[in-house]
Amino acid sequence: MTTLFQALMLILDVIWFIMIAHIIMSWLINFQVLNLRQPMVWQIWNGLSRLLEPIYAPVRRILPNTGGLDLAPLVVFIAIIILQRLLINNAGWFYSF
């Protein structure tokens, strides 16, 4: 069961880092530091968006429409932190088997 705990923590950490990269890249694009017309920037942006869209889409359906402000990344970010804390606080359950 230790392996399950470590695998879940690793998956949550990877998603967290991908989200951080996506958020930072979105800021750089919005402040025109990066340009989506550059092929490499477009490929990275498109790849990150495709990875995160299945996670964001259900949250966007639940949240009210806020115009140009997308709150789905914030909600998912908070959910990941809560899941990590939940796993850490209940780690003893994983080690008892």
PDB file of N, CA and C in Angstrom:
ATOM      1  N   MET A   1       0.815  -1.203   0.000  1.00  0.00           N
ATOM      2  CA  MET A   1       0.000   0.000   0.000  1.00  0.00           C
ATOM      3  C   MET A   1       0.854   1.261   0.000  1.00  0.00           C
ATOM      4  N   THR A   2       2.087   1.136   0.440  1.00  0.00           N
ATOM      5  CA  THR A   2       2.983   2.285   0.404  1.00  0.00           C
ATOM      6  C   THR A   2       3.175   2.769  -1.025  1.00  0.00           C
ATOM      7  N   THR A   3       3.239   1.814  -1.951  1.00  0.00           N
ATOM      8  CA  THR A   3       3.414   2.163  -3.353  1.00  0.00           C
ATOM      9  C   THR A   3       2.226   2.945  -3.874  1.00  0.00           C
ATOM     10  N   LEU A   4       1.022   2.582  -3.447  1.00  0.00           N
ATOM     11  CA  LEU A   4      -0.181   3.300  -3.855  1.00  0.00           C
ATOM     12  C   LEU A   4      -0.149   4.740  -3.355  1.00  0.00           C
ATOM     13  N   PHE A   5       0.230   4.906  -2.097  1.00  0.00           N
ATOM     14  CA  PHE A   5       0.342   6.250  -1.524  1.00  0.00           C
ATOM     15  C   PHE A   5       1.356   7.086  -2.306  1.00  0.00           C
ATOM     16  N   GLN A   6       2.520   6.517  -2.573  1.00  0.00           N
ATOM     17  CA  GLN A   6       3.556   7.246  -3.301  1.00  0.00           C
ATOM     18  C   GLN A   6       3.132   7.544  -4.729  1.00  0.00           C
ATOM     19  N   ALA A   7       2.436   6.615  -5.368  1.00  0.00           N
ATOM     20  CA  ALA A   7       1.963   6.837  -6.734  1.00  0.00           C
ATOM     21  C   ALA A   7       0.936   7.967  -6.784  1.00  0.00           C
ATOM     22  N   LEU A   8       0.017   7.975  -5.840  1.00  0.00           N
ATOM     23  CA  LEU A   8      -0.989   9.047  -5.796  1.00  0.00           C
ATOM     24  C   LEU A   8      -0.336  10.408  -5.540  1.00  0.00           C
ATOM     25  N   MET A   9       0.614  10.443  -4.628  1.00  0.00           N
ATOM     26  CA  MET A   9       1.309  11.705  -4.354  1.00  0.00           C
ATOM     27  C   MET A   9       2.099  12.173  -5.582  1.00  0.00           C
ATOM     28  N   LEU A  10       2.739  11.244  -6.285  1.00  0.00           N
ATOM     29  CA  LEU A  10       3.491  11.590  -7.482  1.00  0.00           C
ATOM     30  C   LEU A  10       2.581  12.134  -8.570  1.00  0.00           C
ATOM     31  N   ILE A  11       1.444  11.505  -8.778  1.00  0.00           N
ATOM     32  CA  ILE A  11       0.490  11.974  -9.790  1.00  0.00           C
ATOM     33  C   ILE A  11       0.006  13.383  -9.451  1.00  0.00           C
ATOM     34  N   LEU A  12      -0.330  13.617  -8.198  1.00  0.00           N
ATOM     35  CA  LEU A  12      -0.790  14.950  -7.790  1.00  0.00           C
ATOM     36  C   LEU A  12       0.328  15.988  -7.939  1.00  0.00           C
ATOM     37  N   ASP A  13       1.563  15.617  -7.634  1.00  0.00           N
ATOM     38  CA  ASP A  13       2.690  16.539  -7.809  1.00  0.00           C
ATOM     39  C   ASP A  13       2.920  16.876  -9.271  1.00  0.00           C
ATOM     40  N   VAL A  14       2.826  15.892 -10.139  1.00  0.00           N
ATOM     41  CA  VAL A  14       3.027  16.137 -11.575  1.00  0.00           C
ATOM     42  C   VAL A  14       1.940  17.053 -12.112  1.00  0.00           C
ATOM     43  N   ILE A  15       0.692  16.790 -11.739  1.00  0.00           N
ATOM     44  CA  ILE A  15      -0.411  17.662 -12.178  1.00  0.00           C
ATOM     45  C   ILE A  15      -0.193  19.076 -11.653  1.00  0.00           C
ATOM     46  N   TRP A  16       0.265  19.192 -10.412  1.00  0.00           N
ATOM     47  CA  TRP A  16       0.509  20.508  -9.815  1.00  0.00           C
ATOM     48  C   TRP A  16       1.565  21.275 -10.608  1.00  0.00           C
ATOM     49  N   PHE A  17       2.668  20.622 -10.962  1.00  0.00           N
ATOM     50  CA  PHE A  17       3.724  21.292 -11.717  1.00  0.00           C
ATOM     51  C   PHE A  17       3.277  21.646 -13.131  1.00  0.00           C
ATOM     52  N   ILE A  18       2.500  20.787 -13.764  1.00  0.00           N
ATOM     53  CA  ILE A  18       1.980  21.104 -15.099  1.00  0.00           C
ATOM     54  C   ILE A  18       1.055  22.312 -15.026  1.00  0.00           C
ATOM     55  N   MET A  19       0.235  22.363 -13.981  1.00  0.00           N
ATOM     56  CA  MET A  19      -0.655  23.521 -13.819  1.00  0.00           C
ATOM     57  C   MET A  19       0.134  24.809 -13.586  1.00  0.00           C
ATOM     58  N   ILE A  20       1.191  24.743 -12.780  1.00  0.00           N
ATOM     59  CA  ILE A  20       2.020  25.932 -12.539  1.00  0.00           C
ATOM     60  C   ILE A  20       2.625  26.417 -13.855  1.00  0.00           C
ATOM     61  N   ALA A  21       3.147  25.489 -14.659  1.00  0.00           N
ATOM     62  CA  ALA A  21       3.730  25.862 -15.957  1.00  0.00           C
ATOM     63  C   ALA A  21       2.673  26.485 -16.860  1.00  0.00           C
ATOM     64  N   HIS A  22       1.476  25.930 -16.870  1.00  0.00           N
ATOM     65  CA  HIS A  22       0.396  26.454 -17.703  1.00  0.00           C
ATOM     66  C   HIS A  22      -0.027  27.856 -17.251  1.00  0.00           C
ATOM     67  N   ILE A  23      -0.134  28.046 -15.957  1.00  0.00           N
ATOM     68  CA  ILE A  23      -0.534  29.351 -15.420  1.00  0.00           C
ATOM     69  C   ILE A  23       0.518  30.410 -15.725  1.00  0.00           C
ATOM     70  N   ILE A  24       1.790  30.091 -15.485  1.00  0.00           N
ATOM     71  CA  ILE A  24       2.861  31.050 -15.773  1.00  0.00           C
ATOM     72  C   ILE A  24       2.916  31.360 -17.254  1.00  0.00           C
ATOM     73  N   MET A  25       2.762  30.334 -18.084  1.00  0.00           N
ATOM     74  CA  MET A  25       2.798  30.557 -19.529  1.00  0.00           C
ATOM     75  C   MET A  25       1.614  31.420 -19.979  1.00  0.00           C
ATOM     76  N   SER A  26       0.448  31.244 -19.376  1.00  0.00           N
ATOM     77  CA  SER A  26      -0.700  32.076 -19.744  1.00  0.00           C
ATOM     78  C   SER A  26      -0.455  33.540 -19.385  1.00  0.00           C
ATOM     79  N   TRP A  27       0.200  33.778 -18.239  1.00  0.00           N
ATOM     80  CA  TRP A  27       0.537  35.163 -17.884  1.00  0.00           C
ATOM     81  C   TRP A  27       1.519  35.756 -18.890  1.00  0.00           C
ATOM     82  N   LEU A  28       2.536  34.985 -19.255  1.00  0.00           N
ATOM     83  CA  LEU A  28       3.527  35.484 -20.210  1.00  0.00           C
ATOM     84  C   LEU A  28       2.912  35.754 -21.569  1.00  0.00           C
ATOM     85  N   ILE A  29       1.938  34.957 -21.965  1.00  0.00           N
ATOM     86  CA  ILE A  29       1.251  35.192 -23.238  1.00  0.00           C
ATOM     87  C   ILE A  29       0.379  36.434 -23.135  1.00  0.00           C
ATOM     88  N   ASN A  30      -0.343  36.588 -22.035  1.00  0.00           N
ATOM     89  CA  ASN A  30      -1.221  37.749 -21.879  1.00  0.00           C
ATOM     90  C   ASN A  30      -0.445  39.057 -21.780  1.00  0.00           C
ATOM     91  N   PHE A  31       0.747  39.022 -21.193  1.00  0.00           N
ATOM     92  CA  PHE A  31       1.571  40.228 -21.107  1.00  0.00           C
ATOM     93  C   PHE A  31       2.493  40.385 -22.311  1.00  0.00           C
ATOM     94  N   GLN A  32       2.272  39.554 -23.332  1.00  0.00           N
ATOM     95  CA  GLN A  32       2.974  39.607 -24.610  1.00  0.00           C
ATOM     96  C   GLN A  32       4.483  39.423 -24.483  1.00  0.00           C
ATOM     97  N   VAL A  33       4.900  38.657 -23.514  1.00  0.00           N
ATOM     98  CA  VAL A  33       6.292  38.256 -23.403  1.00  0.00           C
ATOM     99  C   VAL A  33       6.532  37.093 -24.356  1.00  0.00           C
ATOM    100  N   LEU A  34       5.540  36.185 -24.418  1.00  0.00           N
ATOM    101  CA  LEU A  34       5.583  35.080 -25.371  1.00  0.00           C
ATOM    102  C   LEU A  34       4.546  35.311 -26.452  1.00  0.00           C
ATOM    103  N   ASN A  35       4.828  34.807 -27.649  1.00  0.00           N
ATOM    104  CA  ASN A  35       3.939  34.983 -28.781  1.00  0.00           C
ATOM    105  C   ASN A  35       3.509  33.609 -29.275  1.00  0.00           C
ATOM    106  N   LEU A  36       2.197  33.400 -29.394  1.00  0.00           N
ATOM    107  CA  LEU A  36       1.689  32.109 -29.830  1.00  0.00           C
ATOM    108  C   LEU A  36       1.966  31.833 -31.304  1.00  0.00           C
ATOM    109  N   ARG A  37       2.445  32.821 -32.042  1.00  0.00           N
ATOM    110  CA  ARG A  37       2.795  32.596 -33.448  1.00  0.00           C
ATOM    111  C   ARG A  37       4.127  31.867 -33.595  1.00  0.00           C
ATOM    112  N   GLN A  38       4.892  31.810 -32.521  1.00  0.00           N
ATOM    113  CA  GLN A  38       6.138  31.041 -32.564  1.00  0.00           C
ATOM    114  C   GLN A  38       5.777  29.556 -32.426  1.00  0.00           C
ATOM    115  N   PRO A  39       6.302  28.723 -33.338  1.00  0.00           N
ATOM    116  CA  PRO A  39       5.888  27.313 -33.345  1.00  0.00           C
ATOM    117  C   PRO A  39       6.153  26.574 -32.029  1.00  0.00           C
ATOM    118  N   MET A  40       7.290  26.801 -31.417  1.00  0.00           N
ATOM    119  CA  MET A  40       7.605  26.081 -30.177  1.00  0.00           C
ATOM    120  C   MET A  40       6.690  26.520 -29.034  1.00  0.00           C
ATOM    121  N   VAL A  41       6.438  27.807 -28.940  1.00  0.00           N
ATOM    122  CA  VAL A  41       5.537  28.327 -27.905  1.00  0.00           C
ATOM    123  C   VAL A  41       4.137  27.753 -28.110  1.00  0.00           C
ATOM    124  N   TRP A  42       3.679  27.714 -29.362  1.00  0.00           N
ATOM    125  CA  TRP A  42       2.356  27.182 -29.668  1.00  0.00           C
ATOM    126  C   TRP A  42       2.272  25.695 -29.301  1.00  0.00           C
ATOM    127  N   GLN A  43       3.309  24.922 -29.610  1.00  0.00           N
ATOM    128  CA  GLN A  43       3.285  23.496 -29.309  1.00  0.00           C
ATOM    129  C   GLN A  43       3.247  23.239 -27.803  1.00  0.00           C
ATOM    130  N   ILE A  44       4.036  23.979 -27.056  1.00  0.00           N
ATOM    131  CA  ILE A  44       4.038  23.806 -25.594  1.00  0.00           C
ATOM    132  C   ILE A  44       2.682  24.211 -25.020  1.00  0.00           C
ATOM    133  N   TRP A  45       2.165  25.353 -25.468  1.00  0.00           N
ATOM    134  CA  TRP A  45       0.873  25.839 -24.986  1.00  0.00           C
ATOM    135  C   TRP A  45      -0.242  24.854 -25.331  1.00  0.00           C
ATOM    136  N   ASN A  46      -0.240  24.384 -26.551  1.00  0.00           N
ATOM    137  CA  ASN A  46      -1.274  23.453 -27.000  1.00  0.00           C
ATOM    138  C   ASN A  46      -1.171  22.133 -26.227  1.00  0.00           C
ATOM    139  N   GLY A  47       0.040  21.648 -26.007  1.00  0.00           N
ATOM    140  CA  GLY A  47       0.218  20.410 -25.248  1.00  0.00           C
ATOM    141  C   GLY A  47      -0.256  20.531 -23.815  1.00  0.00           C
ATOM    142  N   LEU A  48       0.118  21.625 -23.161  1.00  0.00           N
ATOM    143  CA  LEU A  48      -0.322  21.833 -21.777  1.00  0.00           C
ATOM    144  C   LEU A  48      -1.838  21.981 -21.695  1.00  0.00           C
ATOM    145  N   SER A  49      -2.413  22.697 -22.655  1.00  0.00           N
ATOM    146  CA  SER A  49      -3.866  22.880 -22.663  1.00  0.00           C
ATOM    147  C   SER A  49      -4.590  21.557 -22.871  1.00  0.00           C
ATOM    148  N   ARG A  50      -4.068  20.720 -23.760  1.00  0.00           N
ATOM    149  CA  ARG A  50      -4.697  19.418 -24.005  1.00  0.00           C
ATOM    150  C   ARG A  50      -4.583  18.502 -22.789  1.00  0.00           C
ATOM    151  N   LEU A  51      -3.488  18.603 -22.066  1.00  0.00           N
ATOM    152  CA  LEU A  51      -3.332  17.795 -20.855  1.00  0.00           C
ATOM    153  C   LEU A  51      -4.300  18.225 -19.756  1.00  0.00           C
ATOM    154  N   LEU A  52      -4.510  19.528 -19.627  1.00  0.00           N
ATOM    155  CA  LEU A  52      -5.295  20.040 -18.510  1.00  0.00           C
ATOM    156  C   LEU A  52      -6.777  20.206 -18.812  1.00  0.00           C
ATOM    157  N   GLU A  53      -7.160  20.235 -20.071  1.00  0.00           N
ATOM    158  CA  GLU A  53      -8.569  20.446 -20.413  1.00  0.00           C
ATOM    159  C   GLU A  53      -9.494  19.371 -19.841  1.00  0.00           C
ATOM    160  N   PRO A  54      -9.126  18.076 -19.859  1.00  0.00           N
ATOM    161  CA  PRO A  54     -10.030  17.092 -19.231  1.00  0.00           C
ATOM    162  C   PRO A  54     -10.219  17.307 -17.729  1.00  0.00           C
ATOM    163  N   ILE A  55      -9.285  17.972 -17.095  1.00  0.00           N
ATOM    164  CA  ILE A  55      -9.420  18.266 -15.666  1.00  0.00           C
ATOM    165  C   ILE A  55     -10.251  19.527 -15.463  1.00  0.00           C
ATOM    166  N   TYR A  56     -10.045  20.539 -16.316  1.00  0.00           N
ATOM    167  CA  TYR A  56     -10.744  21.818 -16.171  1.00  0.00           C
ATOM    168  C   TYR A  56     -12.206  21.764 -16.637  1.00  0.00           C
ATOM    169  N   ALA A  57     -12.511  20.965 -17.660  1.00  0.00           N
ATOM    170  CA  ALA A  57     -13.848  20.979 -18.268  1.00  0.00           C
ATOM    171  C   ALA A  57     -14.972  20.676 -17.279  1.00  0.00           C
ATOM    172  N   PRO A  58     -14.875  19.628 -16.451  1.00  0.00           N
ATOM    173  CA  PRO A  58     -15.979  19.393 -15.499  1.00  0.00           C
ATOM    174  C   PRO A  58     -16.136  20.526 -14.488  1.00  0.00           C
ATOM    175  N   VAL A  59     -15.040  21.142 -14.098  1.00  0.00           N
ATOM    176  CA  VAL A  59     -15.107  22.250 -13.136  1.00  0.00           C
ATOM    177  C   VAL A  59     -15.762  23.460 -13.785  1.00  0.00           C
ATOM    178  N   ARG A  60     -15.450  23.708 -15.063  1.00  0.00           N
ATOM    179  CA  ARG A  60     -16.054  24.849 -15.772  1.00  0.00           C
ATOM    180  C   ARG A  60     -17.560  24.684 -15.925  1.00  0.00           C
ATOM    181  N   ARG A  61     -18.032  23.448 -16.055  1.00  0.00           N
ATOM    182  CA  ARG A  61     -19.477  23.216 -16.173  1.00  0.00           C
ATOM    183  C   ARG A  61     -20.195  23.545 -14.865  1.00  0.00           C
ATOM    184  N   ILE A  62     -19.522  23.345 -13.736  1.00  0.00           N
ATOM    185  CA  ILE A  62     -20.135  23.591 -12.431  1.00  0.00           C
ATOM    186  C   ILE A  62     -20.080  25.069 -12.060  1.00  0.00           C
ATOM    187  N   LEU A  63     -18.966  25.732 -12.362  1.00  0.00           N
ATOM    188  CA  LEU A  63     -18.794  27.129 -11.975  1.00  0.00           C
ATOM    189  C   LEU A  63     -19.682  28.053 -12.808  1.00  0.00           C
ATOM    190  N   PRO A  64     -20.132  29.167 -12.214  1.00  0.00           N
ATOM    191  CA  PRO A  64     -20.904  30.132 -13.002  1.00  0.00           C
ATOM    192  C   PRO A  64     -19.992  30.853 -14.002  1.00  0.00           C
ATOM    193  N   ASN A  65     -20.598  31.363 -15.061  1.00  0.00           N
ATOM    194  CA  ASN A  65     -19.854  32.092 -16.081  1.00  0.00           C
ATOM    195  C   ASN A  65     -19.403  33.443 -15.515  1.00  0.00           C
ATOM    196  N   THR A  66     -18.101  33.696 -15.518  1.00  0.00           N
ATOM    197  CA  THR A  66     -17.561  34.938 -14.976  1.00  0.00           C
ATOM    198  C   THR A  66     -16.943  35.806 -16.069  1.00  0.00           C
ATOM    199  N   GLY A  67     -17.377  35.608 -17.294  1.00  0.00           N
ATOM    200  CA  GLY A  67     -16.844  36.411 -18.394  1.00  0.00           C
ATOM    201  C   GLY A  67     -15.454  35.954 -18.782  1.00  0.00           C
ATOM    202  N   GLY A  68     -14.513  36.876 -18.773  1.00  0.00           N
ATOM    203  CA  GLY A  68     -13.154  36.571 -19.198  1.00  0.00           C
ATOM    204  C   GLY A  68     -12.287  35.952 -18.113  1.00  0.00           C
ATOM    205  N   LEU A  69     -12.816  35.819 -16.908  1.00  0.00           N
ATOM    206  CA  LEU A  69     -12.043  35.278 -15.794  1.00  0.00           C
ATOM    207  C   LEU A  69     -12.339  33.790 -15.634  1.00  0.00           C
ATOM    208  N   ASP A  70     -11.326  32.964 -15.812  1.00  0.00           N
ATOM    209  CA  ASP A  70     -11.479  31.518 -15.694  1.00  0.00           C
ATOM    210  C   ASP A  70     -11.022  31.079 -14.302  1.00  0.00           C
ATOM    211  N   LEU A  71     -11.969  30.632 -13.505  1.00  0.00           N
ATOM    212  CA  LEU A  71     -11.665  30.220 -12.141  1.00  0.00           C
ATOM    213  C   LEU A  71     -11.398  28.725 -12.013  1.00  0.00           C
ATOM    214  N   ALA A  72     -11.524  27.974 -13.093  1.00  0.00           N
ATOM    215  CA  ALA A  72     -11.326  26.520 -13.046  1.00  0.00           C
ATOM    216  C   ALA A  72      -9.914  26.147 -12.574  1.00  0.00           C
ATOM    217  N   PRO A  73      -8.847  26.795 -13.081  1.00  0.00           N
ATOM    218  CA  PRO A  73      -7.518  26.436 -12.575  1.00  0.00           C
ATOM    219  C   PRO A  73      -7.366  26.656 -11.074  1.00  0.00           C
ATOM    220  N   LEU A  74      -7.947  27.713 -10.559  1.00  0.00           N
ATOM    221  CA  LEU A  74      -7.864  27.992  -9.124  1.00  0.00           C
ATOM    222  C   LEU A  74      -8.576  26.911  -8.322  1.00  0.00           C
ATOM    223  N   VAL A  75      -9.758  26.511  -8.766  1.00  0.00           N
ATOM    224  CA  VAL A  75     -10.525  25.481  -8.061  1.00  0.00           C
ATOM    225  C   VAL A  75      -9.778  24.147  -8.098  1.00  0.00           C
ATOM    226  N   VAL A  76      -9.229  23.789  -9.257  1.00  0.00           N
ATOM    227  CA  VAL A  76      -8.483  22.529  -9.376  1.00  0.00           C
ATOM    228  C   VAL A  76      -7.217  22.588  -8.531  1.00  0.00           C
ATOM    229  N   PHE A  77      -6.554  23.732  -8.532  1.00  0.00           N
ATOM    230  CA  PHE A  77      -5.341  23.927  -7.738  1.00  0.00           C
ATOM    231  C   PHE A  77      -5.629  23.702  -6.255  1.00  0.00           C
ATOM    232  N   ILE A  78      -6.713  24.287  -5.761  1.00  0.00           N
ATOM    233  CA  ILE A  78      -7.105  24.119  -4.362  1.00  0.00           C
ATOM    234  C   ILE A  78      -7.497  22.669  -4.083  1.00  0.00           C
ATOM    235  N   ALA A  79      -8.181  22.028  -5.027  1.00  0.00           N
ATOM    236  CA  ALA A  79      -8.577  20.628  -4.855  1.00  0.00           C
ATOM    237  C   ALA A  79      -7.350  19.719  -4.766  1.00  0.00           C
ATOM    238  N   ILE A  80      -6.323  19.996  -5.570  1.00  0.00           N
ATOM    239  CA  ILE A  80      -5.100  19.191  -5.517  1.00  0.00           C
ATOM    240  C   ILE A  80      -4.410  19.348  -4.166  1.00  0.00           C
ATOM    241  N   ILE A  81      -4.348  20.562  -3.673  1.00  0.00           N
ATOM    242  CA  ILE A  81      -3.728  20.796  -2.363  1.00  0.00           C
ATOM    243  C   ILE A  81      -4.511  20.083  -1.264  1.00  0.00           C
ATOM    244  N   ILE A  82      -5.837  20.134  -1.329  1.00  0.00           N
ATOM    245  CA  ILE A  82      -6.664  19.448  -0.337  1.00  0.00           C
ATOM    246  C   ILE A  82      -6.458  17.936  -0.412  1.00  0.00           C
ATOM    247  N   LEU A  83      -6.405  17.384  -1.626  1.00  0.00           N
ATOM    248  CA  LEU A  83      -6.170  15.945  -1.780  1.00  0.00           C
ATOM    249  C   LEU A  83      -4.807  15.537  -1.236  1.00  0.00           C
ATOM    250  N   GLN A  84      -3.786  16.357  -1.484  1.00  0.00           N
ATOM    251  CA  GLN A  84      -2.463  16.039  -0.944  1.00  0.00           C
ATOM    252  C   GLN A  84      -2.475  16.046   0.576  1.00  0.00           C
ATOM    253  N   ARG A  85      -3.104  17.043   1.158  1.00  0.00           N
ATOM    254  CA  ARG A  85      -3.182  17.109   2.619  1.00  0.00           C
ATOM    255  C   ARG A  85      -3.964  15.922   3.176  1.00  0.00           C
ATOM    256  N   LEU A  86      -5.039  15.549   2.501  1.00  0.00           N
ATOM    257  CA  LEU A  86      -5.844  14.421   2.919  1.00  0.00           C
ATOM    258  C   LEU A  86      -5.026  13.134   2.881  1.00  0.00           C
ATOM    259  N   LEU A  87      -4.252  12.949   1.824  1.00  0.00           N
ATOM    260  CA  LEU A  87      -3.405  11.759   1.735  1.00  0.00           C
ATOM    261  C   LEU A  87      -2.321  11.752   2.814  1.00  0.00           C
ATOM    262  N   ILE A  88      -1.696  12.902   3.033  1.00  0.00           N
ATOM    263  CA  ILE A  88      -0.633  12.976   4.036  1.00  0.00           C
ATOM    264  C   ILE A  88      -1.185  12.731   5.438  1.00  0.00           C
ATOM    265  N   ASN A  89      -2.348  13.310   5.743  1.00  0.00           N
ATOM    266  CA  ASN A  89      -2.924  13.130   7.078  1.00  0.00           C
ATOM    267  C   ASN A  89      -3.398  11.699   7.323  1.00  0.00           C
ATOM    268  N   ASN A  90      -3.702  10.978   6.247  1.00  0.00           N
ATOM    269  CA  ASN A  90      -4.152   9.597   6.382  1.00  0.00           C
ATOM    270  C   ASN A  90      -3.097   8.614   5.889  1.00  0.00           C
ATOM    271  N   ALA A  91      -1.848   9.016   5.885  1.00  0.00           N
ATOM    272  CA  ALA A  91      -0.762   8.139   5.392  1.00  0.00           C
ATOM    273  C   ALA A  91      -0.619   6.902   6.257  1.00  0.00           C
ATOM    274  N   GLY A  92      -0.962   6.977   7.513  1.00  0.00           N
ATOM    275  CA  GLY A  92      -0.873   5.828   8.387  1.00  0.00           C
ATOM    276  C   GLY A  92      -1.726   4.669   7.919  1.00  0.00           C
ATOM    277  N   TRP A  93      -2.835   4.958   7.292  1.00  0.00           N
ATOM    278  CA  TRP A  93      -3.713   3.913   6.762  1.00  0.00           C
ATOM    279  C   TRP A  93      -2.993   3.117   5.678  1.00  0.00           C
ATOM    280  N   PHE A  94      -2.206   3.816   4.855  1.00  0.00           N
ATOM    281  CA  PHE A  94      -1.478   3.149   3.782  1.00  0.00           C
ATOM    282  C   PHE A  94      -0.370   2.254   4.332  1.00  0.00           C
ATOM    283  N   TYR A  95       0.245   2.674   5.424  1.00  0.00           N
ATOM    284  CA  TYR A  95       1.383   1.933   5.984  1.00  0.00           C
ATOM    285  C   TYR A  95       0.945   0.805   6.923  1.00  0.00           C
ATOM    286  N   SER A  96      -0.326   0.750   7.283  1.00  0.00           N
ATOM    287  CA  SER A  96      -0.766  -0.254   8.248  1.00  0.00           C
ATOM    288  C   SER A  96      -0.944  -1.630   7.626  1.00  0.00           C
ATOM    289  N   PHE A  97      -0.980  -1.700   6.297  1.00  0.00           N
ATOM    290  CA  PHE A  97      -1.186  -3.001   5.634  1.00  0.00           C
ATOM    291  C   PHE A  97       0.098  -3.706   5.407  1.00  0.00           C
TER     292      PHE A  97
END
